[in-house]
Amino acid sequence: MTAPVPIVIDTDPGIDDALAILAAMADPGLTLLGLTTVFGNVPVETATRNALQLTALAGQETPVAEGAARPLLRAPAPHPDFVHGREGFGEAVLPPPERAPDPRNAASFLAETARDARDRGTPLTIVAVGPLTNLATALTEHPEMAQTVGRVVVMGGTLRHPGNVTPTAEANFWQDPHAAAQVLAASWPVTVVGLDVTECVRLYPEDLDALPQGRVHRFLREAVGYYARFHLESHGFLGCYLHDPAAVCATADPSLLETWRTQATVIVEGPEEGRLQASSSGQPVDVALAADAPGIRARLLTALKTYGDT
């Protein structure tokens, strides 16, 4: 049996982030060592609170370290309240967290966790599902991370599929294109799980009917219901894309993706800022261009079913 992959999720929860985090804490193929938070779907302070709430909902004490509140260089964009709601979970409400965040900032937490995992002989995988500011900051402050991290799985970008913020850019890359460019230019192995595959993977409200009744089910019904109504208005179907869960599930089982190895860069300014593009001068990365959508949805739901009747 293959050993679980040790991961840290860098996140801006976010409804699909919540699905991804809850699945990661329950997936036998993963060992979640921590969460680092970043601005994006919500302000970073809200992201940190939400991450702590999700760990409590799952009955876990996973460390949560707060990170960047704004992009490296560009002006901050408005938070997309119309997608995830003002507080990040639509209309779902969770109790205030009882734990405090980890005293380290996100960059230090990532660097120290990567070093410790390497020393144990089980290299860390960072699953980044928000803007990449924390990872770029960590590379600047702790350049050894490019060698100590085993892999970075990035939910972001789009190579062939239209963007979801501009015609050419996906939201996470667009919100901090300089950070995305820096992360893709580093020498660590990178897998890009972008809109080319994530908009092929969908969850519907009725998919949650098979989950055990309890607080996790109630939370997901309310949060996913809100997210599904957004998708109905904006994309014409009552359900949601599984952006962040696709990255998490594929980290546990890489066979769920078909990737293309290519050199790639990110445009950092101008009308196409945030665009991922193949380039003869970029660092080689693995870009997901096809996915086993039923397999991803099934793995997600199997993990969520383990929470039981609580």
Protein backbone atom coordinates (compact mmCIF):
# COMPACT_ATOMS: atom_id res chain seq x y z
CA MET A 1 0.00 0.00 0.00
CA THR A 2 1.34 3.44 -0.94
CA ALA A 3 2.14 5.72 2.00
CA PRO A 4 -0.05 8.83 2.37
CA VAL A 5 1.30 12.00 0.76
CA PRO A 6 2.20 14.66 3.35
CA ILE A 7 0.65 17.97 2.30
CA VAL A 8 0.04 21.55 3.35
CA ILE A 9 -2.89 23.31 1.69
CA ASP A 10 -2.39 27.01 0.95
CA THR A 11 -5.93 28.34 0.83
CA ASP A 12 -8.43 31.21 0.84
CA PRO A 13 -11.62 29.43 2.03
CA GLY A 14 -14.00 29.69 -0.01
CA ILE A 15 -16.67 27.05 -0.61
CA ASP A 16 -14.71 24.81 -2.95
CA ASP A 17 -11.75 25.29 -0.61
CA ALA A 18 -13.95 23.97 2.20
CA LEU A 19 -14.81 20.87 0.17
CA ALA A 20 -11.12 20.34 -0.59
CA ILE A 21 -9.96 20.80 3.01
CA LEU A 22 -12.62 18.53 4.49
CA ALA A 23 -11.77 15.88 1.90
CA ALA A 24 -8.03 16.18 2.55
CA MET A 25 -8.50 15.62 6.28
CA ALA A 26 -10.41 12.40 5.57
CA ASP A 27 -8.62 11.00 2.49
CA PRO A 28 -6.42 7.99 3.40
CA GLY A 29 -4.04 8.93 0.60
CA LEU A 30 -3.11 12.22 2.28
CA THR A 31 -1.67 13.44 5.57
CA LEU A 32 -2.63 17.08 6.11
CA LEU A 33 0.18 18.73 8.09
CA GLY A 34 -1.24 22.23 8.05
CA LEU A 35 -3.16 25.00 6.36
CA THR A 36 -1.73 28.36 5.34
CA THR A 37 -4.08 31.19 4.49
CA VAL A 38 -4.00 33.94 1.90
CA PHE A 39 -6.28 36.72 0.65
CA GLY A 40 -8.47 35.84 -2.31
CA ASN A 41 -12.05 34.69 -1.97
CA VAL A 42 -12.12 36.60 1.34
CA PRO A 43 -9.70 38.84 3.28
CA VAL A 44 -6.86 36.87 4.86
CA GLU A 45 -8.18 37.36 8.40
CA THR A 46 -11.48 35.80 7.33
CA ALA A 47 -9.61 33.03 5.52
CA THR A 48 -7.75 32.20 8.73
CA ARG A 49 -10.95 32.12 10.77
CA ASN A 50 -12.62 29.95 8.15
CA ALA A 51 -9.71 27.51 8.10
CA LEU A 52 -9.82 27.18 11.88
CA GLN A 53 -13.59 26.65 11.73
CA LEU A 54 -13.19 23.86 9.17
CA THR A 55 -10.65 22.02 11.31
CA ALA A 56 -13.03 22.24 14.26
CA LEU A 57 -15.93 21.02 12.11
CA ALA A 58 -13.84 17.98 11.19
CA GLY A 59 -12.76 17.41 14.79
CA GLN A 60 -9.11 18.08 13.93
CA GLU A 61 -6.42 20.37 15.38
CA THR A 62 -4.54 20.91 12.13
CA PRO A 63 -2.24 23.96 12.44
CA VAL A 64 -3.36 27.09 10.59
CA ALA A 65 -0.79 29.80 9.76
CA GLU A 66 -1.86 33.17 8.41
CA GLY A 67 -0.17 34.59 5.35
CA ALA A 68 -0.37 37.40 2.81
CA ALA A 69 -3.07 40.05 2.96
CA ARG A 70 -2.39 41.51 -0.50
CA PRO A 71 -0.55 40.75 -3.75
CA LEU A 72 3.20 41.22 -4.14
CA LEU A 73 3.01 44.20 -6.50
CA ARG A 74 -0.36 44.81 -8.11
CA ALA A 75 -3.26 46.57 -6.41
CA PRO A 76 -5.62 44.20 -4.55
CA ALA A 77 -8.77 43.18 -6.39
CA PRO A 78 -12.18 43.19 -4.69
CA HIS A 79 -13.06 39.95 -2.95
CA PRO A 80 -15.70 38.01 -4.96
CA ASP A 81 -18.56 38.20 -2.42
CA PHE A 82 -21.01 37.30 -5.20
CA VAL A 83 -19.35 33.88 -5.60
CA HIS A 84 -18.66 32.69 -2.03
CA GLY A 85 -20.63 35.16 0.06
CA ARG A 86 -19.29 37.89 2.31
CA GLU A 87 -17.90 35.45 4.89
CA GLY A 88 -16.72 32.82 2.41
CA PHE A 89 -19.19 30.02 3.11
CA GLY A 90 -22.30 31.39 1.43
CA GLU A 91 -25.11 31.37 3.97
CA ALA A 92 -23.55 28.63 6.13
CA VAL A 93 -22.51 29.70 9.63
CA LEU A 94 -19.99 27.89 11.83
CA PRO A 95 -19.17 28.57 15.50
CA PRO A 96 -16.28 30.95 16.21
CA PRO A 97 -12.96 29.12 16.42
CA GLU A 98 -11.67 28.19 19.86
CA ARG A 99 -8.05 27.76 18.73
CA ALA A 100 -5.59 30.50 17.81
CA PRO A 101 -3.57 30.40 14.58
CA ASP A 102 -0.03 29.07 14.57
CA PRO A 103 2.35 31.84 15.71
CA ARG A 104 4.46 31.50 12.55
CA ASN A 105 3.58 33.33 9.37
CA ALA A 106 2.66 31.25 6.35
CA ALA A 107 6.06 31.55 4.65
CA SER A 108 7.93 30.36 7.75
CA PHE A 109 5.43 27.59 8.38
CA LEU A 110 5.82 26.31 4.82
CA ALA A 111 9.61 26.44 4.95
CA GLU A 112 9.88 24.68 8.32
CA THR A 113 7.30 22.04 7.46
CA ALA A 114 9.07 21.31 4.16
CA ARG A 115 12.43 20.99 5.91
CA ASP A 116 11.04 18.68 8.58
CA ALA A 117 9.29 16.49 5.99
CA ARG A 118 12.48 16.19 3.95
CA ASP A 119 14.45 15.24 7.07
CA ARG A 120 11.92 12.45 7.72
CA GLY A 121 12.39 11.18 4.17
CA THR A 122 8.83 12.06 3.08
CA PRO A 123 9.03 15.25 0.99
CA LEU A 124 6.21 17.73 1.41
CA THR A 125 3.69 18.51 -1.33
CA ILE A 126 2.17 21.99 -1.19
CA VAL A 127 -1.33 22.14 -2.64
CA ALA A 128 -1.93 25.80 -3.45
CA VAL A 129 -5.57 26.64 -4.13
CA GLY A 130 -5.52 30.44 -3.78
CA PRO A 131 -3.33 33.27 -5.07
CA LEU A 132 0.31 32.19 -4.89
CA THR A 133 1.62 35.08 -2.77
CA ASN A 134 2.58 32.93 0.23
CA LEU A 135 4.62 30.55 -1.91
CA ALA A 136 6.41 33.38 -3.71
CA THR A 137 7.17 35.04 -0.36
CA ALA A 138 8.46 31.75 1.04
CA LEU A 139 10.76 31.31 -1.97
CA THR A 140 12.20 34.79 -1.43
CA GLU A 141 12.66 34.43 2.32
CA HIS A 142 13.64 30.74 2.30
CA PRO A 143 15.20 30.00 -1.12
CA GLU A 144 16.17 26.49 -0.01
CA MET A 145 12.48 25.57 -0.36
CA ALA A 146 12.96 25.03 -4.08
CA GLN A 147 14.99 21.95 -3.09
CA THR A 148 13.22 20.83 0.10
CA VAL A 149 9.66 20.74 -1.28
CA GLY A 150 8.80 17.55 -3.14
CA ARG A 151 6.11 19.00 -5.40
CA VAL A 152 3.77 21.97 -5.72
CA VAL A 153 0.26 21.29 -7.01
CA VAL A 154 -1.32 24.55 -8.12
CA MET A 155 -5.01 25.09 -8.69
CA GLY A 156 -4.75 28.00 -11.06
CA GLY A 157 -4.26 29.17 -14.58
CA THR A 158 -5.66 27.96 -17.85
CA LEU A 159 -3.78 27.03 -20.99
CA ARG A 160 -6.49 26.25 -23.56
CA HIS A 161 -9.76 26.94 -21.74
CA PRO A 162 -11.11 30.53 -21.45
CA GLY A 163 -10.37 32.36 -18.22
CA ASN A 164 -12.94 32.98 -15.50
CA VAL A 165 -11.95 36.57 -14.63
CA THR A 166 -10.77 37.81 -18.02
CA PRO A 167 -10.91 36.01 -21.36
CA THR A 168 -7.37 34.68 -20.78
CA ALA A 169 -6.84 34.56 -17.00
CA GLU A 170 -7.99 32.37 -14.12
CA ALA A 171 -8.73 34.08 -10.80
CA ASN A 172 -5.82 32.84 -8.65
CA PHE A 173 -3.18 33.74 -11.25
CA TRP A 174 -4.90 37.04 -12.05
CA GLN A 175 -5.07 38.15 -8.42
CA ASP A 176 -1.26 37.95 -8.09
CA PRO A 177 0.37 37.33 -11.46
CA HIS A 178 3.85 38.21 -10.20
CA ALA A 179 3.59 35.53 -7.52
CA ALA A 180 2.31 32.98 -10.02
CA ALA A 181 5.20 33.76 -12.36
CA GLN A 182 7.72 33.36 -9.53
CA VAL A 183 6.28 30.04 -8.36
CA LEU A 184 6.28 28.58 -11.88
CA ALA A 185 9.82 29.82 -12.49
CA ALA A 186 11.26 28.05 -9.42
CA SER A 187 13.14 24.76 -9.77
CA TRP A 188 10.71 22.68 -7.69
CA PRO A 189 8.37 20.27 -9.53
CA VAL A 190 5.02 21.90 -10.34
CA THR A 191 1.72 20.43 -11.48
CA VAL A 192 -0.82 22.98 -12.73
CA VAL A 193 -4.45 21.95 -12.25
CA GLY A 194 -6.32 24.74 -13.97
CA LEU A 195 -9.59 25.49 -15.69
CA ASP A 196 -8.63 23.14 -18.53
CA VAL A 197 -9.73 20.32 -16.22
CA THR A 198 -11.53 21.82 -13.20
CA GLU A 199 -14.47 23.09 -15.24
CA CYS A 200 -14.99 19.53 -16.45
CA VAL A 201 -15.54 18.30 -12.87
CA ARG A 202 -18.91 19.14 -11.35
CA LEU A 203 -20.75 18.49 -8.10
CA TYR A 204 -24.52 18.72 -7.79
CA PRO A 205 -26.54 19.35 -4.62
CA GLU A 206 -28.09 15.89 -4.85
CA ASP A 207 -24.59 14.34 -4.74
CA LEU A 208 -24.51 15.30 -1.08
CA ASP A 209 -27.65 13.27 -0.30
CA ALA A 210 -25.58 10.13 0.29
CA LEU A 211 -23.52 11.78 3.05
CA PRO A 212 -24.34 10.84 6.65
CA GLN A 213 -26.64 13.32 8.34
CA GLY A 214 -24.83 15.57 10.77
CA ARG A 215 -23.00 18.85 11.13
CA VAL A 216 -20.65 18.31 8.14
CA HIS A 217 -23.59 17.43 5.91
CA ARG A 218 -25.61 20.42 7.13
CA PHE A 219 -22.72 22.79 6.52
CA LEU A 220 -22.07 21.45 3.03
CA ARG A 221 -25.73 21.51 2.04
CA GLU A 222 -25.95 25.21 2.94
CA ALA A 223 -22.59 26.22 1.49
CA VAL A 224 -22.82 24.19 -1.72
CA GLY A 225 -26.42 25.31 -2.19
CA TYR A 226 -25.26 28.93 -2.26
CA TYR A 227 -22.40 28.09 -4.63
CA ALA A 228 -24.75 26.13 -6.88
CA ARG A 229 -27.11 29.09 -7.19
CA PHE A 230 -24.18 31.26 -8.29
CA HIS A 231 -23.29 28.69 -10.94
CA LEU A 232 -26.91 28.54 -12.11
CA GLU A 233 -26.94 32.30 -12.65
CA SER A 234 -23.47 32.54 -14.19
CA HIS A 235 -22.95 29.18 -15.93
CA GLY A 236 -26.45 27.79 -16.45
CA PHE A 237 -26.36 24.67 -14.26
CA LEU A 238 -27.40 24.03 -10.67
CA GLY A 239 -24.19 22.66 -9.25
CA CYS A 240 -20.59 23.77 -8.93
CA TYR A 241 -17.18 23.26 -10.45
CA LEU A 242 -14.77 21.33 -8.24
CA HIS A 243 -11.74 23.56 -8.74
CA ASP A 244 -9.88 23.05 -5.46
CA PRO A 245 -11.10 19.50 -4.74
CA ALA A 246 -9.75 18.42 -8.14
CA ALA A 247 -6.26 19.53 -7.12
CA VAL A 248 -6.50 17.79 -3.74
CA CYS A 249 -7.92 14.52 -5.10
CA ALA A 250 -5.32 14.41 -7.86
CA THR A 251 -2.57 14.88 -5.28
CA ALA A 252 -3.81 11.73 -3.55
CA ASP A 253 -4.17 9.89 -6.90
CA PRO A 254 -2.21 11.44 -9.80
CA SER A 255 -3.75 8.92 -12.21
CA LEU A 256 -6.91 11.05 -12.11
CA LEU A 257 -5.18 13.57 -14.39
CA GLU A 258 -3.52 13.50 -17.79
CA THR A 259 -0.73 16.08 -17.89
CA TRP A 260 1.41 17.66 -20.56
CA ARG A 261 4.98 18.61 -19.69
CA THR A 262 5.85 21.99 -21.15
CA GLN A 263 7.78 25.12 -20.38
CA ALA A 264 5.42 27.79 -19.12
CA THR A 265 5.37 31.38 -17.92
CA VAL A 266 2.77 33.82 -16.61
CA ILE A 267 2.12 37.26 -18.12
CA VAL A 268 2.44 39.80 -15.30
CA GLU A 269 1.08 43.02 -16.82
CA GLY A 270 -1.05 44.38 -19.58
CA PRO A 271 -4.45 43.24 -20.89
CA GLU A 272 -3.51 39.56 -20.55
CA GLU A 273 -2.01 39.74 -17.04
CA GLY A 274 -2.39 36.43 -15.25
CA ARG A 275 -2.38 34.43 -18.46
CA LEU A 276 -0.57 31.09 -18.36
CA GLN A 277 1.27 30.45 -21.60
CA ALA A 278 3.59 27.84 -23.02
CA SER A 279 7.00 29.40 -23.58
CA SER A 280 10.37 28.25 -24.84
CA SER A 281 12.06 30.18 -22.03
CA GLY A 282 10.02 28.98 -19.06
CA GLN A 283 10.61 26.32 -16.43
CA PRO A 284 9.16 22.88 -17.31
CA VAL A 285 5.86 22.20 -15.51
CA ASP A 286 3.17 19.53 -15.79
CA VAL A 287 -0.12 21.04 -16.96
CA ALA A 288 -3.30 19.00 -16.55
CA LEU A 289 -5.25 18.92 -19.80
CA ALA A 290 -7.67 16.04 -19.12
CA ALA A 291 -9.19 14.54 -15.99
CA ASP A 292 -11.20 11.56 -14.80
CA ALA A 293 -14.11 13.72 -13.68
CA PRO A 294 -16.24 10.86 -12.27
CA GLY A 295 -13.19 9.55 -10.43
CA ILE A 296 -12.48 12.92 -8.82
CA ARG A 297 -16.09 13.38 -7.74
CA ALA A 298 -16.22 9.83 -6.38
CA ARG A 299 -12.98 10.25 -4.40
CA LEU A 300 -14.25 13.51 -2.92
CA LEU A 301 -17.58 12.02 -1.86
CA THR A 302 -15.95 8.87 -0.46
CA ALA A 303 -13.77 11.02 1.78
CA LEU A 304 -16.70 13.17 2.90
CA LYS A 305 -18.74 10.09 3.81
CA THR A 306 -16.26 9.19 6.53
CA TYR A 307 -17.38 12.02 8.82
CA GLY A 308 -20.33 10.01 10.06
CA ASP A 309 -23.44 11.11 11.90
CA THR A 310 -22.22 13.96 14.11
